[in-house]
């Protein structure tokens, strides 16, 4: 809505800095930064930032499941800062006492340092990013494993941060830390192919799920 009805002329906007779920910086201080391919200025600037031991994981695409996408689609360089999902996501118990306030301060200091590093750069050049599957965002699914994905994972498959009790994954014996590599006949290489695989099933159907658990592959049957 903002980019379709902007209170400011978007021609005057240099870039967008989107903070979506930055309240749970973990003990390893992993900060995910999505959209670094939306301007050639991002990577050199980010390489200079050293704040509070924060470790960054980056993705290139300007398309993603947050509000930076709307700015990218208007040819504005855009980043999304994110400290990861957690088992309290979208639940009433996700309350103030669970926030890592020191972590929020450190993430804020990181972003301020980035802004200051870019202050003398003038207008940032915009760049289109390669979206391997432009249709990925449209994948809709009516079933779930009942797990929280680890969005900081850079390997092959979909790494599970936590398994929700009482949901299909937990009932099938899937564990925290497992990496989903296959659902039914569909190979899972990342979070997007995981969602696409889920879109092939309906409630009540069963599917073979293969996960990597350490150095082993474990096969189980899930009832959605």
C-alpha atoms as a PDB file:
ATOM      1  CA  UNK A   1       0.000   0.000   0.000  1.00  0.00           C
ATOM      2  CA  UNK A   2       2.832   2.371   0.871  1.00  0.00           C
ATOM      3  CA  UNK A   3       4.576   1.979  -2.476  1.00  0.00           C
ATOM      4  CA  UNK A   4       1.291   2.247  -4.391  1.00  0.00           C
ATOM      5  CA  UNK A   5       0.171   5.340  -2.432  1.00  0.00           C
ATOM      6  CA  UNK A   6       3.465   6.848  -1.221  1.00  0.00           C
ATOM      7  CA  UNK A   7       3.343   9.899   1.070  1.00  0.00           C
ATOM      8  CA  UNK A   8       6.760  10.797  -0.374  1.00  0.00           C
ATOM      9  CA  UNK A   9       7.729  10.855  -4.027  1.00  0.00           C
ATOM     10  CA  UNK A  10       9.468   7.496  -4.517  1.00  0.00           C
ATOM     11  CA  UNK A  11      11.863   9.186  -6.932  1.00  0.00           C
ATOM     12  CA  UNK A  12      13.410  10.828  -3.866  1.00  0.00           C
ATOM     13  CA  UNK A  13      13.885   7.529  -1.983  1.00  0.00           C
ATOM     14  CA  UNK A  14      17.475   6.313  -2.117  1.00  0.00           C
ATOM     15  CA  UNK A  15      16.947   2.869  -0.601  1.00  0.00           C
ATOM     16  CA  UNK A  16      14.780   0.914   1.812  1.00  0.00           C
ATOM     17  CA  UNK A  17      15.933  -0.709   5.052  1.00  0.00           C
ATOM     18  CA  UNK A  18      13.330  -3.209   6.239  1.00  0.00           C
ATOM     19  CA  UNK A  19      13.512  -4.694   9.748  1.00  0.00           C
ATOM     20  CA  UNK A  20      11.167  -7.680  10.024  1.00  0.00           C
ATOM     21  CA  UNK A  21      11.636  -9.896  13.098  1.00  0.00           C
ATOM     22  CA  UNK A  22      14.902  -8.636  14.574  1.00  0.00           C
ATOM     23  CA  UNK A  23      14.048  -9.325  18.218  1.00  0.00           C
ATOM     24  CA  UNK A  24      15.605 -12.737  18.722  1.00  0.00           C
ATOM     25  CA  UNK A  25      19.302 -12.388  17.893  1.00  0.00           C
ATOM     26  CA  UNK A  26      20.754 -15.770  18.898  1.00  0.00           C
ATOM     27  CA  UNK A  27      23.885 -16.566  20.920  1.00  0.00           C
ATOM     28  CA  UNK A  28      25.937 -16.822  17.723  1.00  0.00           C
ATOM     29  CA  UNK A  29      24.685 -13.354  16.725  1.00  0.00           C
ATOM     30  CA  UNK A  30      23.500 -14.464  13.278  1.00  0.00           C
ATOM     31  CA  UNK A  31      21.854 -11.687  11.294  1.00  0.00           C
ATOM     32  CA  UNK A  32      20.257 -12.561   7.964  1.00  0.00           C
ATOM     33  CA  UNK A  33      20.346  -9.792   5.351  1.00  0.00           C
ATOM     34  CA  UNK A  34      18.188 -10.436   2.297  1.00  0.00           C
ATOM     35  CA  UNK A  35      18.333  -8.423  -0.924  1.00  0.00           C
ATOM     36  CA  UNK A  36      22.053  -7.630  -1.146  1.00  0.00           C
ATOM     37  CA  UNK A  37      21.860  -8.072  -4.912  1.00  0.00           C
ATOM     38  CA  UNK A  38      19.511  -5.083  -5.289  1.00  0.00           C
ATOM     39  CA  UNK A  39      22.441  -2.661  -5.483  1.00  0.00           C
ATOM     40  CA  UNK A  40      26.159  -3.116  -6.202  1.00  0.00           C
ATOM     41  CA  UNK A  41      26.802  -0.805  -3.236  1.00  0.00           C
ATOM     42  CA  UNK A  42      25.506  -3.213  -0.579  1.00  0.00           C
ATOM     43  CA  UNK A  43      28.241  -5.846  -0.466  1.00  0.00           C
ATOM     44  CA  UNK A  44      31.272  -3.506  -0.272  1.00  0.00           C
ATOM     45  CA  UNK A  45      29.559  -1.480   2.459  1.00  0.00           C
ATOM     46  CA  UNK A  46      28.525  -4.548   4.454  1.00  0.00           C
ATOM     47  CA  UNK A  47      32.060  -5.932   4.328  1.00  0.00           C
ATOM     48  CA  UNK A  48      33.251  -2.883   6.267  1.00  0.00           C
ATOM     49  CA  UNK A  49      30.738  -3.194   9.102  1.00  0.00           C
ATOM     50  CA  UNK A  50      31.998  -4.718  12.350  1.00  0.00           C
ATOM     51  CA  UNK A  51      29.534  -4.348  15.212  1.00  0.00           C
ATOM     52  CA  UNK A  52      29.289  -6.389  18.431  1.00  0.00           C
ATOM     53  CA  UNK A  53      30.481  -9.607  16.811  1.00  0.00           C
ATOM     54  CA  UNK A  54      27.428  -9.865  14.543  1.00  0.00           C
ATOM     55  CA  UNK A  55      27.804 -12.556  11.883  1.00  0.00           C
ATOM     56  CA  UNK A  56      25.887 -11.980   8.657  1.00  0.00           C
ATOM     57  CA  UNK A  57      24.282 -14.387   6.223  1.00  0.00           C
ATOM     58  CA  UNK A  58      23.151 -12.791   2.967  1.00  0.00           C
ATOM     59  CA  UNK A  59      20.872 -13.598   0.063  1.00  0.00           C
ATOM     60  CA  UNK A  60      20.797 -11.833  -3.296  1.00  0.00           C
ATOM     61  CA  UNK A  61      17.169 -11.747  -4.363  1.00  0.00           C
ATOM     62  CA  UNK A  62      14.974  -8.690  -3.990  1.00  0.00           C
ATOM     63  CA  UNK A  63      11.951 -10.991  -3.889  1.00  0.00           C
ATOM     64  CA  UNK A  64      11.111 -12.480  -0.501  1.00  0.00           C
ATOM     65  CA  UNK A  65       8.506 -12.930   2.195  1.00  0.00           C
ATOM     66  CA  UNK A  66       8.705  -9.409   3.612  1.00  0.00           C
ATOM     67  CA  UNK A  67       8.086  -5.762   2.750  1.00  0.00           C
ATOM     68  CA  UNK A  68      11.419  -5.131   1.020  1.00  0.00           C
ATOM     69  CA  UNK A  69       9.883  -6.848  -2.009  1.00  0.00           C
ATOM     70  CA  UNK A  70       7.451  -3.969  -2.608  1.00  0.00           C
ATOM     71  CA  UNK A  71      10.316  -1.472  -2.843  1.00  0.00           C
ATOM     72  CA  UNK A  72      12.425  -3.742  -5.028  1.00  0.00           C
ATOM     73  CA  UNK A  73       9.520  -4.033  -7.467  1.00  0.00           C
ATOM     74  CA  UNK A  74       9.581  -0.224  -7.750  1.00  0.00           C
ATOM     75  CA  UNK A  75      13.304  -0.333  -8.660  1.00  0.00           C
ATOM     76  CA  UNK A  76      14.473   0.826  -5.230  1.00  0.00           C
ATOM     77  CA  UNK A  77      17.465  -0.928  -3.598  1.00  0.00           C
ATOM     78  CA  UNK A  78      16.095  -2.747  -0.561  1.00  0.00           C
ATOM     79  CA  UNK A  79      17.406  -4.877   2.286  1.00  0.00           C
ATOM     80  CA  UNK A  80      15.548  -7.079   4.771  1.00  0.00           C
ATOM     81  CA  UNK A  81      17.156  -7.591   8.199  1.00  0.00           C
ATOM     82  CA  UNK A  82      16.011 -10.720  10.043  1.00  0.00           C
ATOM     83  CA  UNK A  83      17.195 -12.664  13.111  1.00  0.00           C
ATOM     84  CA  UNK A  84      15.288 -15.864  12.314  1.00  0.00           C
ATOM     85  CA  UNK A  85      12.082 -17.687  13.091  1.00  0.00           C
ATOM     86  CA  UNK A  86      11.292 -19.233  16.470  1.00  0.00           C
ATOM     87  CA  UNK A  87       8.750 -21.622  17.971  1.00  0.00           C
ATOM     88  CA  UNK A  88       6.669 -18.751  19.434  1.00  0.00           C
ATOM     89  CA  UNK A  89       6.074 -17.222  15.990  1.00  0.00           C
ATOM     90  CA  UNK A  90       2.496 -15.874  15.606  1.00  0.00           C
ATOM     91  CA  UNK A  91       1.456 -17.266  18.987  1.00  0.00           C
ATOM     92  CA  UNK A  92       0.055 -15.413  22.020  1.00  0.00           C
ATOM     93  CA  UNK A  93       3.059 -16.416  24.148  1.00  0.00           C
ATOM     94  CA  UNK A  94       5.425 -14.402  21.934  1.00  0.00           C
ATOM     95  CA  UNK A  95       5.637 -11.708  24.589  1.00  0.00           C
ATOM     96  CA  UNK A  96       8.018  -8.937  25.622  1.00  0.00           C
ATOM     97  CA  UNK A  97      10.084 -10.971  28.085  1.00  0.00           C
ATOM     98  CA  UNK A  98      11.323 -13.178  25.229  1.00  0.00           C
ATOM     99  CA  UNK A  99      12.878 -10.289  23.293  1.00  0.00           C
ATOM    100  CA  UNK A 100      16.651 -10.014  23.197  1.00  0.00           C
ATOM    101  CA  UNK A 101      16.816  -6.272  23.889  1.00  0.00           C
ATOM    102  CA  UNK A 102      20.607  -6.141  23.811  1.00  0.00           C
ATOM    103  CA  UNK A 103      20.415  -7.951  20.474  1.00  0.00           C
ATOM    104  CA  UNK A 104      17.997  -5.357  19.098  1.00  0.00           C
ATOM    105  CA  UNK A 105      20.405  -2.620  20.144  1.00  0.00           C
ATOM    106  CA  UNK A 106      23.283  -4.393  18.395  1.00  0.00           C
ATOM    107  CA  UNK A 107      21.255  -4.944  15.215  1.00  0.00           C
ATOM    108  CA  UNK A 108      20.244  -1.261  15.297  1.00  0.00           C
ATOM    109  CA  UNK A 109      23.870  -0.200  15.729  1.00  0.00           C
ATOM    110  CA  UNK A 110      24.780  -2.435  12.772  1.00  0.00           C
ATOM    111  CA  UNK A 111      22.168  -0.802  10.539  1.00  0.00           C
ATOM    112  CA  UNK A 112      23.181   2.707  11.642  1.00  0.00           C
ATOM    113  CA  UNK A 113      26.804   1.864  10.795  1.00  0.00           C
ATOM    114  CA  UNK A 114      25.683   0.737   7.336  1.00  0.00           C
ATOM    115  CA  UNK A 115      23.689   3.942   6.776  1.00  0.00           C
ATOM    116  CA  UNK A 116      26.667   6.047   7.839  1.00  0.00           C
ATOM    117  CA  UNK A 117      28.972   4.078   5.532  1.00  0.00           C
ATOM    118  CA  UNK A 118      26.664   4.918   2.615  1.00  0.00           C
ATOM    119  CA  UNK A 119      26.133   8.596   3.458  1.00  0.00           C
ATOM    120  CA  UNK A 120      28.867   9.771   1.092  1.00  0.00           C
ATOM    121  CA  UNK A 121      27.910   7.399  -1.722  1.00  0.00           C
ATOM    122  CA  UNK A 122      25.112   9.537  -3.118  1.00  0.00           C
ATOM    123  CA  UNK A 123      22.309   7.756  -4.955  1.00  0.00           C
ATOM    124  CA  UNK A 124      22.689   3.997  -4.865  1.00  0.00           C
ATOM    125  CA  UNK A 125      22.507   2.219  -8.203  1.00  0.00           C
ATOM    126  CA  UNK A 126      19.621  -0.237  -8.489  1.00  0.00           C
ATOM    127  CA  UNK A 127      20.175  -3.755  -9.783  1.00  0.00           C
ATOM    128  CA  UNK A 128      17.760  -6.460 -10.847  1.00  0.00           C
ATOM    129  CA  UNK A 129      18.392  -9.751  -9.078  1.00  0.00           C
ATOM    130  CA  UNK A 130      18.246 -13.238 -10.443  1.00  0.00           C
ATOM    131  CA  UNK A 131      15.180 -15.030  -9.137  1.00  0.00           C
ATOM    132  CA  UNK A 132      15.783 -18.680  -9.977  1.00  0.00           C
ATOM    133  CA  UNK A 133      12.066 -19.407  -9.967  1.00  0.00           C
ATOM    134  CA  UNK A 134       9.893 -16.291 -10.378  1.00  0.00           C
ATOM    135  CA  UNK A 135       6.789 -18.438  -9.722  1.00  0.00           C
ATOM    136  CA  UNK A 136       8.007 -19.631  -6.330  1.00  0.00           C
ATOM    137  CA  UNK A 137       6.161 -16.965  -4.402  1.00  0.00           C
ATOM    138  CA  UNK A 138       2.860 -18.258  -5.752  1.00  0.00           C
ATOM    139  CA  UNK A 139       3.244 -21.728  -4.229  1.00  0.00           C
ATOM    140  CA  UNK A 140       0.214 -22.271  -1.998  1.00  0.00           C
ATOM    141  CA  UNK A 141      -0.166 -25.204   0.338  1.00  0.00           C
ATOM    142  CA  UNK A 142      -2.882 -26.479   2.646  1.00  0.00           C
ATOM    143  CA  UNK A 143      -0.728 -28.845   4.705  1.00  0.00           C
ATOM    144  CA  UNK A 144       2.299 -28.426   6.930  1.00  0.00           C
ATOM    145  CA  UNK A 145       4.930 -30.501   8.683  1.00  0.00           C
ATOM    146  CA  UNK A 146       4.563 -28.292  11.724  1.00  0.00           C
ATOM    147  CA  UNK A 147       8.185 -27.201  11.888  1.00  0.00           C
ATOM    148  CA  UNK A 148      10.030 -23.881  12.071  1.00  0.00           C
ATOM    149  CA  UNK A 149      12.541 -23.493   9.205  1.00  0.00           C
ATOM    150  CA  UNK A 150      16.049 -22.186   9.838  1.00  0.00           C
ATOM    151  CA  UNK A 151      16.377 -19.273   7.407  1.00  0.00           C
ATOM    152  CA  UNK A 152      20.089 -18.854   8.142  1.00  0.00           C
ATOM    153  CA  UNK A 153      20.894 -22.327   6.718  1.00  0.00           C
ATOM    154  CA  UNK A 154      23.096 -22.221   3.633  1.00  0.00           C
ATOM    155  CA  UNK A 155      23.320 -25.923   2.836  1.00  0.00           C
ATOM    156  CA  UNK A 156      21.209 -28.159   0.625  1.00  0.00           C
ATOM    157  CA  UNK A 157      17.751 -28.969   1.949  1.00  0.00           C
ATOM    158  CA  UNK A 158      15.486 -27.320   4.504  1.00  0.00           C
ATOM    159  CA  UNK A 159      17.045 -27.208   7.973  1.00  0.00           C
ATOM    160  CA  UNK A 160      14.556 -27.473  10.843  1.00  0.00           C
ATOM    161  CA  UNK A 161      15.133 -25.080  13.701  1.00  0.00           C
ATOM    162  CA  UNK A 162      12.392 -26.585  15.877  1.00  0.00           C
ATOM    163  CA  UNK A 163       9.583 -29.133  15.638  1.00  0.00           C
ATOM    164  CA  UNK A 164       6.178 -28.121  17.007  1.00  0.00           C
ATOM    165  CA  UNK A 165       4.676 -30.606  19.428  1.00  0.00           C
ATOM    166  CA  UNK A 166       1.570 -32.446  18.282  1.00  0.00           C
ATOM    167  CA  UNK A 167       2.013 -31.568  14.607  1.00  0.00           C
ATOM    168  CA  UNK A 168       2.602 -34.048  11.735  1.00  0.00           C
ATOM    169  CA  UNK A 169       6.397 -33.807  11.797  1.00  0.00           C
ATOM    170  CA  UNK A 170       6.677 -34.489  15.510  1.00  0.00           C
ATOM    171  CA  UNK A 171       4.228 -37.404  15.272  1.00  0.00           C
ATOM    172  CA  UNK A 172       6.356 -38.908  12.506  1.00  0.00           C
ATOM    173  CA  UNK A 173       9.548 -38.696  14.563  1.00  0.00           C
ATOM    174  CA  UNK A 174      11.147 -35.698  12.877  1.00  0.00           C
ATOM    175  CA  UNK A 175      13.522 -33.890  15.248  1.00  0.00           C
ATOM    176  CA  UNK A 176      15.001 -30.442  15.825  1.00  0.00           C
ATOM    177  CA  UNK A 177      18.077 -30.050  13.612  1.00  0.00           C
ATOM    178  CA  UNK A 178      16.934 -32.475  10.907  1.00  0.00           C
ATOM    179  CA  UNK A 179      17.387 -31.358   7.295  1.00  0.00           C
ATOM    180  CA  UNK A 180      14.472 -32.211   4.989  1.00  0.00           C
ATOM    181  CA  UNK A 181      15.772 -33.409   1.617  1.00  0.00           C
ATOM    182  CA  UNK A 182      12.700 -35.121   0.146  1.00  0.00           C
ATOM    183  CA  UNK A 183       8.909 -35.070   0.531  1.00  0.00           C
ATOM    184  CA  UNK A 184       7.142 -37.766  -1.445  1.00  0.00           C
ATOM    185  CA  UNK A 185       8.719 -37.831  -4.889  1.00  0.00           C
ATOM    186  CA  UNK A 186       9.844 -34.214  -4.640  1.00  0.00           C
ATOM    187  CA  UNK A 187      13.430 -33.256  -3.878  1.00  0.00           C
ATOM    188  CA  UNK A 188      13.891 -30.468  -1.329  1.00  0.00           C
ATOM    189  CA  UNK A 189      16.916 -28.259  -1.936  1.00  0.00           C
ATOM    190  CA  UNK A 190      15.875 -25.090  -0.098  1.00  0.00           C
ATOM    191  CA  UNK A 191      12.937 -23.381   1.622  1.00  0.00           C
ATOM    192  CA  UNK A 192      11.232 -22.660  -1.711  1.00  0.00           C
ATOM    193  CA  UNK A 193      11.304 -26.228  -3.023  1.00  0.00           C
ATOM    194  CA  UNK A 194      10.104 -27.319   0.436  1.00  0.00           C
ATOM    195  CA  UNK A 195       7.016 -25.099   0.090  1.00  0.00           C
ATOM    196  CA  UNK A 196       6.463 -26.256  -3.478  1.00  0.00           C
ATOM    197  CA  UNK A 197       6.600 -29.883  -2.342  1.00  0.00           C
ATOM    198  CA  UNK A 198       4.022 -29.227   0.383  1.00  0.00           C
ATOM    199  CA  UNK A 199       1.714 -27.645  -2.194  1.00  0.00           C
ATOM    200  CA  UNK A 200       1.341 -31.060  -3.868  1.00  0.00           C
ATOM    201  CA  UNK A 201      -0.461 -32.626  -0.887  1.00  0.00           C
ATOM    202  CA  UNK A 202      -3.868 -32.382   0.744  1.00  0.00           C
ATOM    203  CA  UNK A 203      -4.974 -32.848   4.337  1.00  0.00           C
ATOM    204  CA  UNK A 204      -5.204 -36.526   5.248  1.00  0.00           C
ATOM    205  CA  UNK A 205      -2.716 -37.691   2.639  1.00  0.00           C
ATOM    206  CA  UNK A 206       0.476 -39.519   3.566  1.00  0.00           C
ATOM    207  CA  UNK A 207       3.964 -38.931   2.235  1.00  0.00           C
ATOM    208  CA  UNK A 208       7.440 -40.334   2.660  1.00  0.00           C
ATOM    209  CA  UNK A 209       9.768 -37.741   4.143  1.00  0.00           C
ATOM    210  CA  UNK A 210      13.533 -38.146   4.051  1.00  0.00           C
ATOM    211  CA  UNK A 211      15.722 -36.108   6.389  1.00  0.00           C
ATOM    212  CA  UNK A 212      19.430 -35.881   7.065  1.00  0.00           C
ATOM    213  CA  UNK A 213      20.206 -36.367  10.741  1.00  0.00           C
ATOM    214  CA  UNK A 214      23.908 -35.847  11.261  1.00  0.00           C
ATOM    215  CA  UNK A 215      25.644 -38.162   8.784  1.00  0.00           C
ATOM    216  CA  UNK A 216      22.614 -40.429   8.374  1.00  0.00           C
ATOM    217  CA  UNK A 217      19.531 -40.333   6.186  1.00  0.00           C
ATOM    218  CA  UNK A 218      16.297 -41.133   7.999  1.00  0.00           C
ATOM    219  CA  UNK A 219      13.064 -42.013   6.211  1.00  0.00           C
ATOM    220  CA  UNK A 220       9.666 -41.677   7.848  1.00  0.00           C
ATOM    221  CA  UNK A 221       6.009 -41.434   6.842  1.00  0.00           C
ATOM    222  CA  UNK A 222       4.033 -38.285   7.579  1.00  0.00           C
ATOM    223  CA  UNK A 223       0.259 -37.997   7.663  1.00  0.00           C
ATOM    224  CA  UNK A 224      -0.748 -34.447   6.807  1.00  0.00           C
END
